[in-house]
Amino acid sequence: MKAVWLFPALFAAVAGLAAIDSKSGLPRWFELRDELDASHAKIARLRDEVTDLEQKVAALEHEPAAIEQAIREVLELARPGEVVVRFETPETDSSLPMN
């Protein structure tokens, strides 16, 4: 009857040692798995960005108003009577202590 618990205990001990032994490969496997998850998330974000850019390209190819707006944004021009509002990001002062 003592042999019944021996195998699970031995397996748990070996698995525990493998998890903390840097030469076993398990810690690196966990790191690679996390990197893979992060890469999948980045791919999803980039696909969304590609979709947005494709929509902008389609608008620029087929809508004269989109072309005009893009040109005015790049050249920082406004139509007569338009008001241009610019929002600037404040520069961080490296001399201030960070909380």
PDB file of N, CA and C in Angstrom:
ATOM      1  N   MET A   1       0.808  -1.195   0.000  1.00  0.00           N
ATOM      2  CA  MET A   1       0.000   0.000   0.000  1.00  0.00           C
ATOM      3  C   MET A   1       0.850   1.259   0.000  1.00  0.00           C
ATOM      4  N   LYS A   2       2.063   1.164   0.528  1.00  0.00           N
ATOM      5  CA  LYS A   2       2.915   2.345   0.565  1.00  0.00           C
ATOM      6  C   LYS A   2       3.338   2.769  -0.840  1.00  0.00           C
ATOM      7  N   ALA A   3       3.390   1.848  -1.778  1.00  0.00           N
ATOM      8  CA  ALA A   3       3.830   2.148  -3.134  1.00  0.00           C
ATOM      9  C   ALA A   3       2.816   3.006  -3.888  1.00  0.00           C
ATOM     10  N   VAL A   4       1.567   3.059  -3.452  1.00  0.00           N
ATOM     11  CA  VAL A   4       0.525   3.820  -4.133  1.00  0.00           C
ATOM     12  C   VAL A   4       0.838   5.313  -4.097  1.00  0.00           C
ATOM     13  N   TRP A   5       1.295   5.839  -3.027  1.00  0.00           N
ATOM     14  CA  TRP A   5       1.594   7.269  -2.916  1.00  0.00           C
ATOM     15  C   TRP A   5       3.019   7.596  -3.360  1.00  0.00           C
ATOM     16  N   LEU A   6       3.852   6.568  -3.531  1.00  0.00           N
ATOM     17  CA  LEU A   6       5.251   6.783  -3.874  1.00  0.00           C
ATOM     18  C   LEU A   6       5.426   7.409  -5.266  1.00  0.00           C
ATOM     19  N   PHE A   7       4.709   6.887  -6.250  1.00  0.00           N
ATOM     20  CA  PHE A   7       4.847   7.412  -7.606  1.00  0.00           C
ATOM     21  C   PHE A   7       4.409   8.877  -7.712  1.00  0.00           C
ATOM     22  N   PRO A   8       3.218   9.255  -7.214  1.00  0.00           N
ATOM     23  CA  PRO A   8       2.842  10.685  -7.285  1.00  0.00           C
ATOM     24  C   PRO A   8       3.821  11.590  -6.524  1.00  0.00           C
ATOM     25  N   ALA A   9       4.314  11.128  -5.384  1.00  0.00           N
ATOM     26  CA  ALA A   9       5.261  11.938  -4.613  1.00  0.00           C
ATOM     27  C   ALA A   9       6.572  12.093  -5.368  1.00  0.00           C
ATOM     28  N   LEU A  10       7.040  11.014  -5.973  1.00  0.00           N
ATOM     29  CA  LEU A  10       8.277  11.071  -6.747  1.00  0.00           C
ATOM     30  C   LEU A  10       8.111  11.984  -7.961  1.00  0.00           C
ATOM     31  N   PHE A  11       6.984  11.870  -8.628  1.00  0.00           N
ATOM     32  CA  PHE A  11       6.702  12.726  -9.784  1.00  0.00           C
ATOM     33  C   PHE A  11       6.662  14.194  -9.381  1.00  0.00           C
ATOM     34  N   ALA A  12       6.015  14.507  -8.267  1.00  0.00           N
ATOM     35  CA  ALA A  12       5.938  15.887  -7.781  1.00  0.00           C
ATOM     36  C   ALA A  12       7.325  16.416  -7.437  1.00  0.00           C
ATOM     37  N   ALA A  13       8.148  15.594  -6.836  1.00  0.00           N
ATOM     38  CA  ALA A  13       9.506  16.021  -6.478  1.00  0.00           C
ATOM     39  C   ALA A  13      10.328  16.304  -7.725  1.00  0.00           C
ATOM     40  N   VAL A  14      10.245  15.433  -8.719  1.00  0.00           N
ATOM     41  CA  VAL A  14      10.999  15.629  -9.958  1.00  0.00           C
ATOM     42  C   VAL A  14      10.493  16.870 -10.691  1.00  0.00           C
ATOM     43  N   ALA A  15       9.205  17.049 -10.753  1.00  0.00           N
ATOM     44  CA  ALA A  15       8.635  18.227 -11.418  1.00  0.00           C
ATOM     45  C   ALA A  15       9.044  19.505 -10.698  1.00  0.00           C
ATOM     46  N   GLY A  16       9.047  19.473  -9.367  1.00  0.00           N
ATOM     47  CA  GLY A  16       9.475  20.641  -8.594  1.00  0.00           C
ATOM     48  C   GLY A  16      10.925  20.985  -8.829  1.00  0.00           C
ATOM     49  N   LEU A  17      11.774  19.989  -8.857  1.00  0.00           N
ATOM     50  CA  LEU A  17      13.193  20.230  -9.123  1.00  0.00           C
ATOM     51  C   LEU A  17      13.413  20.750 -10.542  1.00  0.00           C
ATOM     52  N   ALA A  18      12.687  20.202 -11.495  1.00  0.00           N
ATOM     53  CA  ALA A  18      12.826  20.651 -12.883  1.00  0.00           C
ATOM     54  C   ALA A  18      12.366  22.099 -13.035  1.00  0.00           C
ATOM     55  N   ALA A  19      11.367  22.492 -12.271  1.00  0.00           N
ATOM     56  CA  ALA A  19      10.846  23.857 -12.369  1.00  0.00           C
ATOM     57  C   ALA A  19      11.843  24.876 -11.845  1.00  0.00           C
ATOM     58  N   ILE A  20      12.635  24.519 -10.855  1.00  0.00           N
ATOM     59  CA  ILE A  20      13.576  25.486 -10.298  1.00  0.00           C
ATOM     60  C   ILE A  20      14.985  25.344 -10.852  1.00  0.00           C
ATOM     61  N   ASP A  21      15.264  24.251 -11.543  1.00  0.00           N
ATOM     62  CA  ASP A  21      16.588  24.034 -12.130  1.00  0.00           C
ATOM     63  C   ASP A  21      16.675  24.768 -13.461  1.00  0.00           C
ATOM     64  N   SER A  22      17.565  25.756 -13.530  1.00  0.00           N
ATOM     65  CA  SER A  22      17.669  26.556 -14.749  1.00  0.00           C
ATOM     66  C   SER A  22      18.183  25.748 -15.933  1.00  0.00           C
ATOM     67  N   LYS A  23      18.841  24.644 -15.691  1.00  0.00           N
ATOM     68  CA  LYS A  23      19.362  23.822 -16.779  1.00  0.00           C
ATOM     69  C   LYS A  23      18.326  22.855 -17.341  1.00  0.00           C
ATOM     70  N   SER A  24      17.171  22.742 -16.688  1.00  0.00           N
ATOM     71  CA  SER A  24      16.159  21.789 -17.153  1.00  0.00           C
ATOM     72  C   SER A  24      15.418  22.288 -18.379  1.00  0.00           C
ATOM     73  N   GLY A  25      15.417  23.601 -18.586  1.00  0.00           N
ATOM     74  CA  GLY A  25      14.712  24.152 -19.732  1.00  0.00           C
ATOM     75  C   GLY A  25      13.317  24.632 -19.409  1.00  0.00           C
ATOM     76  N   LEU A  26      12.756  24.223 -18.286  1.00  0.00           N
ATOM     77  CA  LEU A  26      11.398  24.662 -17.959  1.00  0.00           C
ATOM     78  C   LEU A  26      11.292  26.162 -17.726  1.00  0.00           C
ATOM     79  N   PRO A  27      12.195  26.782 -16.968  1.00  0.00           N
ATOM     80  CA  PRO A  27      12.076  28.238 -16.815  1.00  0.00           C
ATOM     81  C   PRO A  27      12.154  28.967 -18.158  1.00  0.00           C
ATOM     82  N   ARG A  28      13.035  28.519 -19.037  1.00  0.00           N
ATOM     83  CA  ARG A  28      13.141  29.138 -20.364  1.00  0.00           C
ATOM     84  C   ARG A  28      11.879  28.889 -21.161  1.00  0.00           C
ATOM     85  N   TRP A  29      11.284  27.723 -21.017  1.00  0.00           N
ATOM     86  CA  TRP A  29      10.042  27.419 -21.728  1.00  0.00           C
ATOM     87  C   TRP A  29       8.944  28.375 -21.285  1.00  0.00           C
ATOM     88  N   PHE A  30       8.858  28.643 -19.974  1.00  0.00           N
ATOM     89  CA  PHE A  30       7.856  29.584 -19.470  1.00  0.00           C
ATOM     90  C   PHE A  30       8.113  30.988 -20.024  1.00  0.00           C
ATOM     91  N   GLU A  31       9.383  31.401 -20.098  1.00  0.00           N
ATOM     92  CA  GLU A  31       9.722  32.708 -20.669  1.00  0.00           C
ATOM     93  C   GLU A  31       9.301  32.779 -22.131  1.00  0.00           C
ATOM     94  N   LEU A  32       9.600  31.722 -22.873  1.00  0.00           N
ATOM     95  CA  LEU A  32       9.242  31.696 -24.296  1.00  0.00           C
ATOM     96  C   LEU A  32       7.734  31.703 -24.492  1.00  0.00           C
ATOM     97  N   ARG A  33       7.024  31.025 -23.625  1.00  0.00           N
ATOM     98  CA  ARG A  33       5.561  31.028 -23.710  1.00  0.00           C
ATOM     99  C   ARG A  33       5.014  32.431 -23.481  1.00  0.00           C
ATOM    100  N   ASP A  34       5.572  33.151 -22.500  1.00  0.00           N
ATOM    101  CA  ASP A  34       5.147  34.527 -22.241  1.00  0.00           C
ATOM    102  C   ASP A  34       5.483  35.436 -23.429  1.00  0.00           C
ATOM    103  N   GLU A  35       6.674  35.234 -24.022  1.00  0.00           N
ATOM    104  CA  GLU A  35       7.051  36.019 -25.190  1.00  0.00           C
ATOM    105  C   GLU A  35       6.112  35.738 -26.363  1.00  0.00           C
ATOM    106  N   LEU A  36       5.713  34.484 -26.519  1.00  0.00           N
ATOM    107  CA  LEU A  36       4.793  34.117 -27.588  1.00  0.00           C
ATOM    108  C   LEU A  36       3.439  34.797 -27.388  1.00  0.00           C
ATOM    109  N   ASP A  37       2.948  34.799 -26.146  1.00  0.00           N
ATOM    110  CA  ASP A  37       1.684  35.491 -25.858  1.00  0.00           C
ATOM    111  C   ASP A  37       1.790  36.980 -26.174  1.00  0.00           C
ATOM    112  N   ALA A  38       2.917  37.599 -25.792  1.00  0.00           N
ATOM    113  CA  ALA A  38       3.111  39.021 -26.073  1.00  0.00           C
ATOM    114  C   ALA A  38       3.185  39.264 -27.577  1.00  0.00           C
ATOM    115  N   SER A  39       3.830  38.345 -28.292  1.00  0.00           N
ATOM    116  CA  SER A  39       3.929  38.482 -29.752  1.00  0.00           C
ATOM    117  C   SER A  39       2.558  38.368 -30.404  1.00  0.00           C
ATOM    118  N   HIS A  40       1.738  37.470 -29.927  1.00  0.00           N
ATOM    119  CA  HIS A  40       0.380  37.342 -30.477  1.00  0.00           C
ATOM    120  C   HIS A  40      -0.421  38.616 -30.242  1.00  0.00           C
ATOM    121  N   ALA A  41      -0.275  39.213 -29.072  1.00  0.00           N
ATOM    122  CA  ALA A  41      -0.979  40.470 -28.781  1.00  0.00           C
ATOM    123  C   ALA A  41      -0.483  41.585 -29.695  1.00  0.00           C
ATOM    124  N   LYS A  42       0.831  41.632 -29.927  1.00  0.00           N
ATOM    125  CA  LYS A  42       1.401  42.652 -30.808  1.00  0.00           C
ATOM    126  C   LYS A  42       0.920  42.449 -32.235  1.00  0.00           C
ATOM    127  N   ILE A  43       0.843  41.209 -32.686  1.00  0.00           N
ATOM    128  CA  ILE A  43       0.343  40.918 -34.029  1.00  0.00           C
ATOM    129  C   ILE A  43      -1.087  41.406 -34.173  1.00  0.00           C
ATOM    130  N   ALA A  44      -1.916  41.186 -33.155  1.00  0.00           N
ATOM    131  CA  ALA A  44      -3.305  41.638 -33.211  1.00  0.00           C
ATOM    132  C   ALA A  44      -3.369  43.161 -33.313  1.00  0.00           C
ATOM    133  N   ARG A  45      -2.532  43.860 -32.519  1.00  0.00           N
ATOM    134  CA  ARG A  45      -2.515  45.331 -32.584  1.00  0.00           C
ATOM    135  C   ARG A  45      -2.056  45.808 -33.960  1.00  0.00           C
ATOM    136  N   LEU A  46      -1.032  45.160 -34.511  1.00  0.00           N
ATOM    137  CA  LEU A  46      -0.532  45.552 -35.828  1.00  0.00           C
ATOM    138  C   LEU A  46      -1.554  45.273 -36.928  1.00  0.00           C
ATOM    139  N   ARG A  47      -2.290  44.182 -36.799  1.00  0.00           N
ATOM    140  CA  ARG A  47      -3.351  43.907 -37.787  1.00  0.00           C
ATOM    141  C   ARG A  47      -4.420  44.987 -37.747  1.00  0.00           C
ATOM    142  N   ASP A  48      -4.780  45.432 -36.544  1.00  0.00           N
ATOM    143  CA  ASP A  48      -5.749  46.522 -36.415  1.00  0.00           C
ATOM    144  C   ASP A  48      -5.202  47.800 -37.057  1.00  0.00           C
ATOM    145  N   GLU A  49      -3.916  48.056 -36.840  1.00  0.00           N
ATOM    146  CA  GLU A  49      -3.289  49.242 -37.428  1.00  0.00           C
ATOM    147  C   GLU A  49      -3.269  49.150 -38.950  1.00  0.00           C
ATOM    148  N   VAL A  50      -2.985  47.971 -39.473  1.00  0.00           N
ATOM    149  CA  VAL A  50      -2.987  47.769 -40.925  1.00  0.00           C
ATOM    150  C   VAL A  50      -4.385  48.023 -41.484  1.00  0.00           C
ATOM    151  N   THR A  51      -5.407  47.521 -40.802  1.00  0.00           N
ATOM    152  CA  THR A  51      -6.780  47.740 -41.249  1.00  0.00           C
ATOM    153  C   THR A  51      -7.111  49.224 -41.284  1.00  0.00           C
ATOM    154  N   ASP A  52      -6.720  49.953 -40.238  1.00  0.00           N
ATOM    155  CA  ASP A  52      -6.964  51.397 -40.203  1.00  0.00           C
ATOM    156  C   ASP A  52      -6.239  52.101 -41.349  1.00  0.00           C
ATOM    157  N   LEU A  53      -4.987  51.723 -41.580  1.00  0.00           N
ATOM    158  CA  LEU A  53      -4.220  52.348 -42.660  1.00  0.00           C
ATOM    159  C   LEU A  53      -4.813  52.021 -44.027  1.00  0.00           C
ATOM    160  N   GLU A  54      -5.297  50.795 -44.207  1.00  0.00           N
ATOM    161  CA  GLU A  54      -5.927  50.429 -45.480  1.00  0.00           C
ATOM    162  C   GLU A  54      -7.178  51.263 -45.722  1.00  0.00           C
ATOM    163  N   GLN A  55      -7.941  51.526 -44.657  1.00  0.00           N
ATOM    164  CA  GLN A  55      -9.136  52.362 -44.792  1.00  0.00           C
ATOM    165  C   GLN A  55      -8.748  53.791 -45.155  1.00  0.00           C
ATOM    166  N   LYS A  56      -7.668  54.294 -44.567  1.00  0.00           N
ATOM    167  CA  LYS A  56      -7.215  55.649 -44.898  1.00  0.00           C
ATOM    168  C   LYS A  56      -6.737  55.720 -46.344  1.00  0.00           C
ATOM    169  N   VAL A  57      -6.031  54.686 -46.797  1.00  0.00           N
ATOM    170  CA  VAL A  57      -5.567  54.648 -48.185  1.00  0.00           C
ATOM    171  C   VAL A  57      -6.757  54.640 -49.129  1.00  0.00           C
ATOM    172  N   ALA A  58      -7.758  53.826 -48.827  1.00  0.00           N
ATOM    173  CA  ALA A  58      -8.952  53.760 -49.678  1.00  0.00           C
ATOM    174  C   ALA A  58      -9.641  55.121 -49.727  1.00  0.00           C
ATOM    175  N   ALA A  59      -9.722  55.792 -48.587  1.00  0.00           N
ATOM    176  CA  ALA A  59     -10.346  57.123 -48.561  1.00  0.00           C
ATOM    177  C   ALA A  59      -9.534  58.109 -49.394  1.00  0.00           C
ATOM    178  N   LEU A  60      -8.205  58.047 -49.272  1.00  0.00           N
ATOM    179  CA  LEU A  60      -7.362  58.971 -50.043  1.00  0.00           C
ATOM    180  C   LEU A  60      -7.446  58.692 -51.544  1.00  0.00           C
ATOM    181  N   GLU A  61      -7.686  57.445 -51.909  1.00  0.00           N
ATOM    182  CA  GLU A  61      -7.780  57.102 -53.335  1.00  0.00           C
ATOM    183  C   GLU A  61      -9.117  57.507 -53.944  1.00  0.00           C
ATOM    184  N   HIS A  62     -10.173  57.585 -53.130  1.00  0.00           N
ATOM    185  CA  HIS A  62     -11.506  57.765 -53.696  1.00  0.00           C
ATOM    186  C   HIS A  62     -12.249  59.007 -53.203  1.00  0.00           C
ATOM    187  N   GLU A  63     -11.749  59.680 -52.207  1.00  0.00           N
ATOM    188  CA  GLU A  63     -12.472  60.822 -51.655  1.00  0.00           C
ATOM    189  C   GLU A  63     -11.611  62.082 -51.726  1.00  0.00           C
ATOM    190  N   PRO A  64     -11.990  63.016 -52.592  1.00  0.00           N
ATOM    191  CA  PRO A  64     -11.217  64.257 -52.703  1.00  0.00           C
ATOM    192  C   PRO A  64     -11.145  65.028 -51.370  1.00  0.00           C
ATOM    193  N   ALA A  65     -12.189  64.966 -50.573  1.00  0.00           N
ATOM    194  CA  ALA A  65     -12.184  65.674 -49.289  1.00  0.00           C
ATOM    195  C   ALA A  65     -11.122  65.102 -48.349  1.00  0.00           C
ATOM    196  N   ALA A  66     -10.911  63.793 -48.398  1.00  0.00           N
ATOM    197  CA  ALA A  66      -9.889  63.167 -47.556  1.00  0.00           C
ATOM    198  C   ALA A  66      -8.497  63.598 -47.996  1.00  0.00           C
ATOM    199  N   ILE A  67      -8.297  63.716 -49.310  1.00  0.00           N
ATOM    200  CA  ILE A  67      -7.006  64.174 -49.827  1.00  0.00           C
ATOM    201  C   ILE A  67      -6.746  65.603 -49.369  1.00  0.00           C
ATOM    202  N   GLU A  68      -7.752  66.453 -49.513  1.00  0.00           N
ATOM    203  CA  GLU A  68      -7.599  67.851 -49.098  1.00  0.00           C
ATOM    204  C   GLU A  68      -7.281  67.947 -47.608  1.00  0.00           C
ATOM    205  N   GLN A  69      -7.993  67.184 -46.808  1.00  0.00           N
ATOM    206  CA  GLN A  69      -7.766  67.222 -45.359  1.00  0.00           C
ATOM    207  C   GLN A  69      -6.354  66.750 -45.015  1.00  0.00           C
ATOM    208  N   ALA A  70      -5.897  65.693 -45.664  1.00  0.00           N
ATOM    209  CA  ALA A  70      -4.550  65.186 -45.395  1.00  0.00           C
ATOM    210  C   ALA A  70      -3.486  66.220 -45.769  1.00  0.00           C
ATOM    211  N   ILE A  71      -3.676  66.875 -46.899  1.00  0.00           N
ATOM    212  CA  ILE A  71      -2.721  67.896 -47.325  1.00  0.00           C
ATOM    213  C   ILE A  71      -2.710  69.057 -46.339  1.00  0.00           C
ATOM    214  N   ARG A  72      -3.893  69.491 -45.931  1.00  0.00           N
ATOM    215  CA  ARG A  72      -3.960  70.616 -44.992  1.00  0.00           C
ATOM    216  C   ARG A  72      -3.331  70.257 -43.654  1.00  0.00           C
ATOM    217  N   GLU A  73      -3.479  69.010 -43.206  1.00  0.00           N
ATOM    218  CA  GLU A  73      -2.865  68.595 -41.939  1.00  0.00           C
ATOM    219  C   GLU A  73      -1.341  68.575 -42.050  1.00  0.00           C
ATOM    220  N   VAL A  74      -0.830  68.040 -43.145  1.00  0.00           N
ATOM    221  CA  VAL A  74       0.616  67.946 -43.318  1.00  0.00           C
ATOM    222  C   VAL A  74       1.238  69.341 -43.434  1.00  0.00           C
ATOM    223  N   LEU A  75       0.598  70.213 -44.211  1.00  0.00           N
ATOM    224  CA  LEU A  75       1.141  71.550 -44.428  1.00  0.00           C
ATOM    225  C   LEU A  75       0.704  72.551 -43.362  1.00  0.00           C
ATOM    226  N   GLU A  76      -0.112  72.079 -42.423  1.00  0.00           N
ATOM    227  CA  GLU A  76      -0.635  72.923 -41.341  1.00  0.00           C
ATOM    228  C   GLU A  76      -1.337  74.158 -41.886  1.00  0.00           C
ATOM    229  N   LEU A  77      -2.237  73.916 -42.829  1.00  0.00           N
ATOM    230  CA  LEU A  77      -3.021  74.985 -43.438  1.00  0.00           C
ATOM    231  C   LEU A  77      -4.455  74.906 -42.957  1.00  0.00           C
ATOM    232  N   ALA A  78      -5.159  76.006 -43.078  1.00  0.00           N
ATOM    233  CA  ALA A  78      -6.569  76.051 -42.716  1.00  0.00           C
ATOM    234  C   ALA A  78      -7.328  76.797 -43.799  1.00  0.00           C
ATOM    235  N   ARG A  79      -8.583  76.454 -43.938  1.00  0.00           N
ATOM    236  CA  ARG A  79      -9.444  77.186 -44.869  1.00  0.00           C
ATOM    237  C   ARG A  79      -9.780  78.535 -44.251  1.00  0.00           C
ATOM    238  N   PRO A  80     -10.150  79.484 -45.072  1.00  0.00           N
ATOM    239  CA  PRO A  80     -10.583  80.770 -44.508  1.00  0.00           C
ATOM    240  C   PRO A  80     -11.772  80.552 -43.571  1.00  0.00           C
ATOM    241  N   GLY A  81     -11.672  81.105 -42.379  1.00  0.00           N
ATOM    242  CA  GLY A  81     -12.744  80.978 -41.394  1.00  0.00           C
ATOM    243  C   GLY A  81     -12.569  79.803 -40.450  1.00  0.00           C
ATOM    244  N   GLU A  82     -11.666  78.884 -40.766  1.00  0.00           N
ATOM    245  CA  GLU A  82     -11.422  77.751 -39.879  1.00  0.00           C
ATOM    246  C   GLU A  82     -10.501  78.171 -38.740  1.00  0.00           C
ATOM    247  N   VAL A  83     -10.677  77.519 -37.623  1.00  0.00           N
ATOM    248  CA  VAL A  83      -9.809  77.747 -36.477  1.00  0.00           C
ATOM    249  C   VAL A  83      -9.011  76.465 -36.249  1.00  0.00           C
ATOM    250  N   VAL A  84      -7.704  76.604 -36.178  1.00  0.00           N
ATOM    251  CA  VAL A  84      -6.842  75.453 -35.948  1.00  0.00           C
ATOM    252  C   VAL A  84      -6.461  75.435 -34.475  1.00  0.00           C
ATOM    253  N   VAL A  85      -6.708  74.306 -33.843  1.00  0.00           N
ATOM    254  CA  VAL A  85      -6.361  74.140 -32.432  1.00  0.00           C
ATOM    255  C   VAL A  85      -5.280  73.076 -32.359  1.00  0.00           C
ATOM    256  N   ARG A  86      -4.158  73.408 -31.729  1.00  0.00           N
ATOM    257  CA  ARG A  86      -3.051  72.456 -31.585  1.00  0.00           C
ATOM    258  C   ARG A  86      -2.894  72.103 -30.118  1.00  0.00           C
ATOM    259  N   PHE A  87      -2.753  70.841 -29.875  1.00  0.00           N
ATOM    260  CA  PHE A  87      -2.492  70.353 -28.526  1.00  0.00           C
ATOM    261  C   PHE A  87      -1.060  69.845 -28.484  1.00  0.00           C
ATOM    262  N   GLU A  88      -0.278  70.425 -27.620  1.00  0.00           N
ATOM    263  CA  GLU A  88       1.109  70.005 -27.496  1.00  0.00           C
ATOM    264  C   GLU A  88       1.276  69.236 -26.200  1.00  0.00           C
ATOM    265  N   THR A  89       2.092  68.213 -26.262  1.00  0.00           N
ATOM    266  CA  THR A  89       2.377  67.420 -25.080  1.00  0.00           C
ATOM    267  C   THR A  89       3.440  68.151 -24.265  1.00  0.00           C
ATOM    268  N   PRO A  90       3.181  68.360 -22.976  1.00  0.00           N
ATOM    269  CA  PRO A  90       4.199  69.044 -22.177  1.00  0.00           C
ATOM    270  C   PRO A  90       5.450  68.201 -22.060  1.00  0.00           C
ATOM    271  N   GLU A  91       6.605  68.850 -22.153  1.00  0.00           N
ATOM    272  CA  GLU A  91       7.871  68.141 -21.995  1.00  0.00           C
ATOM    273  C   GLU A  91       8.072  67.833 -20.527  1.00  0.00           C
ATOM    274  N   THR A  92       8.637  66.671 -20.266  1.00  0.00           N
ATOM    275  CA  THR A  92       8.892  66.296 -18.881  1.00  0.00           C
ATOM    276  C   THR A  92      10.197  66.908 -18.432  1.00  0.00           C
ATOM    277  N   ASP A  93      10.209  67.392 -17.199  1.00  0.00           N
ATOM    278  CA  ASP A  93      11.408  67.994 -16.627  1.00  0.00           C
ATOM    279  C   ASP A  93      12.136  66.911 -15.844  1.00  0.00           C
ATOM    280  N   SER A  94      13.320  66.529 -16.325  1.00  0.00           N
ATOM    281  CA  SER A  94      14.048  65.435 -15.686  1.00  0.00           C
ATOM    282  C   SER A  94      14.589  65.827 -14.323  1.00  0.00           C
ATOM    283  N   SER A  95      14.571  67.117 -13.985  1.00  0.00           N
ATOM    284  CA  SER A  95      15.096  67.533 -12.689  1.00  0.00           C
ATOM    285  C   SER A  95      14.073  67.357 -11.580  1.00  0.00           C
ATOM    286  N   LEU A  96      12.792  67.139 -11.966  1.00  0.00           N
ATOM    287  CA  LEU A  96      11.764  66.935 -10.956  1.00  0.00           C
ATOM    288  C   LEU A  96      11.799  65.495 -10.457  1.00  0.00           C
ATOM    289  N   PRO A  97      11.593  65.300  -9.153  1.00  0.00           N
ATOM    290  CA  PRO A  97      11.609  63.923  -8.633  1.00  0.00           C
ATOM    291  C   PRO A  97      10.356  63.174  -9.081  1.00  0.00           C
ATOM    292  N   MET A  98      10.554  61.898  -9.374  1.00  0.00           N
ATOM    293  CA  MET A  98       9.436  61.038  -9.771  1.00  0.00           C
ATOM    294  C   MET A  98       8.838  60.410  -8.518  1.00  0.00           C
ATOM    295  N   ASN A  99       7.524  60.334  -8.451  1.00  0.00           N
ATOM    296  CA  ASN A  99       6.857  59.728  -7.291  1.00  0.00           C
ATOM    297  C   ASN A  99       6.782  58.244  -7.429  1.00  0.00           C
TER     298      ASN A  99
END
